[in-house]
Amino acid sequence: QVQLVESGGGSVQAGGSLRLSCAASGYWSNTYCMAWFRHAPGKEREGVAVTDRAGNTRYADSVKGRFTISEDNAKNNLYLQMNSLKPEDTAMYYCAARLDCRVSWYGMGTWFEYKYRGQGTQVTVSS
């Protein structure tokens, strides 16, 4: 079983930065993907960024050049550095994980393909 706990959300003005963290614990495998999803009211849940054990990454077009996903393998922590934030980035952000996965196999994937999910952390960007 894998447990995921997000932290680091908050309120920030447009143009500001936030760093989200996700602490992972429990069973792990040699191949896995970890991703950040977000869900804003009235919108569909969106995959933001994904990484795998090899360090491959993929980003949604809406965040390319502004967000960076990274992982501390030793601590099993996942991060999302968010710069140049915009009001449209306002959403609940979720950490998710799926085992036996590589970015080259599945790309970002969909929310429903990630078996393990955190409870979310709210990000609010004001104009």
Protein backbone atom coordinates (compact mmCIF):
# COMPACT_ATOMS: atom_id res chain seq x y z
CA GLN A 1 0.00 0.00 0.00
CA VAL A 2 1.20 3.49 -0.86
CA GLN A 3 0.31 6.61 1.09
CA LEU A 4 0.68 10.12 -0.30
CA VAL A 5 0.45 13.35 1.66
CA GLU A 6 0.63 16.75 -0.02
CA SER A 7 1.71 20.03 1.52
CA GLY A 8 2.79 23.51 0.47
CA GLY A 9 -0.38 24.96 -0.97
CA GLY A 10 -1.55 28.44 -0.13
CA SER A 11 -2.57 31.81 -1.47
CA VAL A 12 -0.29 33.92 -3.64
CA GLN A 13 -0.57 36.87 -5.99
CA ALA A 14 -0.20 36.46 -9.73
CA GLY A 15 3.43 36.23 -10.71
CA GLY A 16 4.39 34.59 -7.43
CA SER A 17 5.75 31.14 -6.68
CA LEU A 18 4.83 28.13 -4.59
CA ARG A 19 6.46 24.78 -4.02
CA LEU A 20 4.26 21.77 -3.41
CA SER A 21 5.55 18.65 -1.69
CA CYS A 22 4.27 15.12 -1.60
CA ALA A 23 5.54 12.66 0.98
CA ALA A 24 5.25 9.07 -0.19
CA SER A 25 5.43 6.00 2.02
CA GLY A 26 4.65 2.32 1.81
CA TYR A 27 5.40 -0.32 -0.81
CA TRP A 28 7.29 0.82 -3.86
CA SER A 29 8.49 -0.76 -7.11
CA ASN A 30 11.48 -0.22 -9.38
CA THR A 31 9.34 1.32 -12.07
CA TYR A 32 6.76 3.91 -11.18
CA CYS A 33 5.31 7.21 -12.24
CA MET A 34 4.42 10.06 -9.94
CA ALA A 35 2.32 12.96 -11.08
CA TRP A 36 0.56 16.13 -10.06
CA PHE A 37 -3.04 16.66 -11.07
CA ARG A 38 -5.25 19.65 -10.41
CA HIS A 39 -8.96 20.21 -10.26
CA ALA A 40 -10.66 23.58 -10.36
CA PRO A 41 -14.40 24.08 -9.78
CA GLY A 42 -16.34 23.74 -13.01
CA LYS A 43 -13.37 22.31 -14.88
CA GLU A 44 -12.16 18.82 -15.66
CA ARG A 45 -9.33 17.37 -13.65
CA GLU A 46 -6.06 18.03 -15.46
CA GLY A 47 -2.72 16.28 -15.43
CA VAL A 48 -0.08 18.93 -14.70
CA ALA A 49 3.23 17.08 -14.67
CA VAL A 50 4.57 13.55 -14.40
CA THR A 51 7.94 11.97 -13.69
CA ASP A 52 9.27 8.45 -13.42
CA ARG A 53 12.13 6.73 -11.62
CA ALA A 54 14.47 7.42 -14.54
CA GLY A 55 13.75 11.13 -14.26
CA ASN A 56 11.76 11.45 -17.46
CA THR A 57 9.14 14.19 -17.29
CA ARG A 58 6.18 15.49 -19.17
CA TYR A 59 4.14 18.66 -18.65
CA ALA A 60 0.77 20.00 -19.62
CA ASP A 61 1.10 22.73 -22.25
CA SER A 62 -0.50 25.21 -19.86
CA VAL A 63 2.38 24.96 -17.37
CA LYS A 64 5.42 24.35 -19.57
CA GLY A 65 8.24 26.71 -18.74
CA ARG A 66 6.64 27.72 -15.43
CA PHE A 67 6.33 24.50 -13.41
CA THR A 68 9.03 21.96 -12.61
CA ILE A 69 8.42 18.49 -11.23
CA SER A 70 11.20 16.80 -9.30
CA GLU A 71 11.76 13.93 -6.94
CA ASP A 72 14.00 13.15 -4.02
CA ASN A 73 14.42 9.41 -4.50
CA ALA A 74 16.18 8.94 -1.19
CA LYS A 75 13.25 10.42 0.73
CA ASN A 76 10.48 9.34 -1.63
CA ASN A 77 9.33 12.95 -1.85
CA LEU A 78 7.81 14.53 -4.93
CA TYR A 79 7.86 18.27 -5.56
CA LEU A 80 6.22 20.76 -7.88
CA GLN A 81 7.91 24.13 -8.17
CA MET A 82 5.40 26.60 -9.54
CA ASN A 83 6.65 29.95 -10.83
CA SER A 84 4.93 32.83 -12.60
CA LEU A 85 1.62 31.70 -11.22
CA LYS A 86 -1.58 32.85 -12.89
CA PRO A 87 -5.14 33.08 -11.57
CA GLU A 88 -6.05 30.18 -13.86
CA ASP A 89 -3.65 27.99 -11.88
CA THR A 90 -6.06 28.18 -8.94
CA ALA A 91 -7.13 24.63 -8.11
CA MET A 92 -6.83 21.75 -5.70
CA TYR A 93 -3.56 20.01 -6.48
CA TYR A 94 -3.21 16.27 -5.99
CA CYS A 95 -0.21 13.99 -5.89
CA ALA A 96 -0.72 10.59 -7.53
CA ALA A 97 1.34 7.46 -8.11
CA ARG A 98 1.12 4.35 -10.22
CA LEU A 99 3.49 1.41 -10.07
CA ASP A 100 5.00 -0.51 -13.01
CA CYS A 101 5.04 2.65 -15.09
CA ARG A 102 7.36 4.75 -17.20
CA VAL A 103 6.61 8.07 -18.83
CA SER A 104 7.68 6.60 -22.17
CA TRP A 105 5.02 3.91 -21.83
CA TYR A 106 2.01 5.92 -20.69
CA GLY A 107 2.81 9.62 -20.94
CA MET A 108 0.87 11.71 -18.45
CA GLY A 109 -1.91 9.16 -18.09
CA THR A 110 -5.33 9.91 -16.69
CA TRP A 111 -6.40 10.42 -13.09
CA PHE A 112 -8.18 7.08 -13.07
CA GLU A 113 -5.02 5.22 -14.07
CA TYR A 114 -3.26 6.29 -10.89
CA LYS A 115 -4.12 3.85 -8.15
CA TYR A 116 -2.65 5.91 -5.33
CA ARG A 117 -3.76 9.52 -4.71
CA GLY A 118 -3.34 12.08 -1.99
CA GLN A 119 -6.00 14.24 -0.38
CA GLY A 120 -4.93 17.41 -2.15
CA THR A 121 -3.63 20.85 -1.26
CA GLN A 122 -5.33 24.08 -2.31
CA VAL A 123 -3.54 26.66 -4.44
CA THR A 124 -5.19 30.05 -4.88
CA VAL A 125 -3.71 32.72 -7.15
CA SER A 126 -5.20 36.20 -7.01
CA SER A 127 -4.89 38.83 -9.70
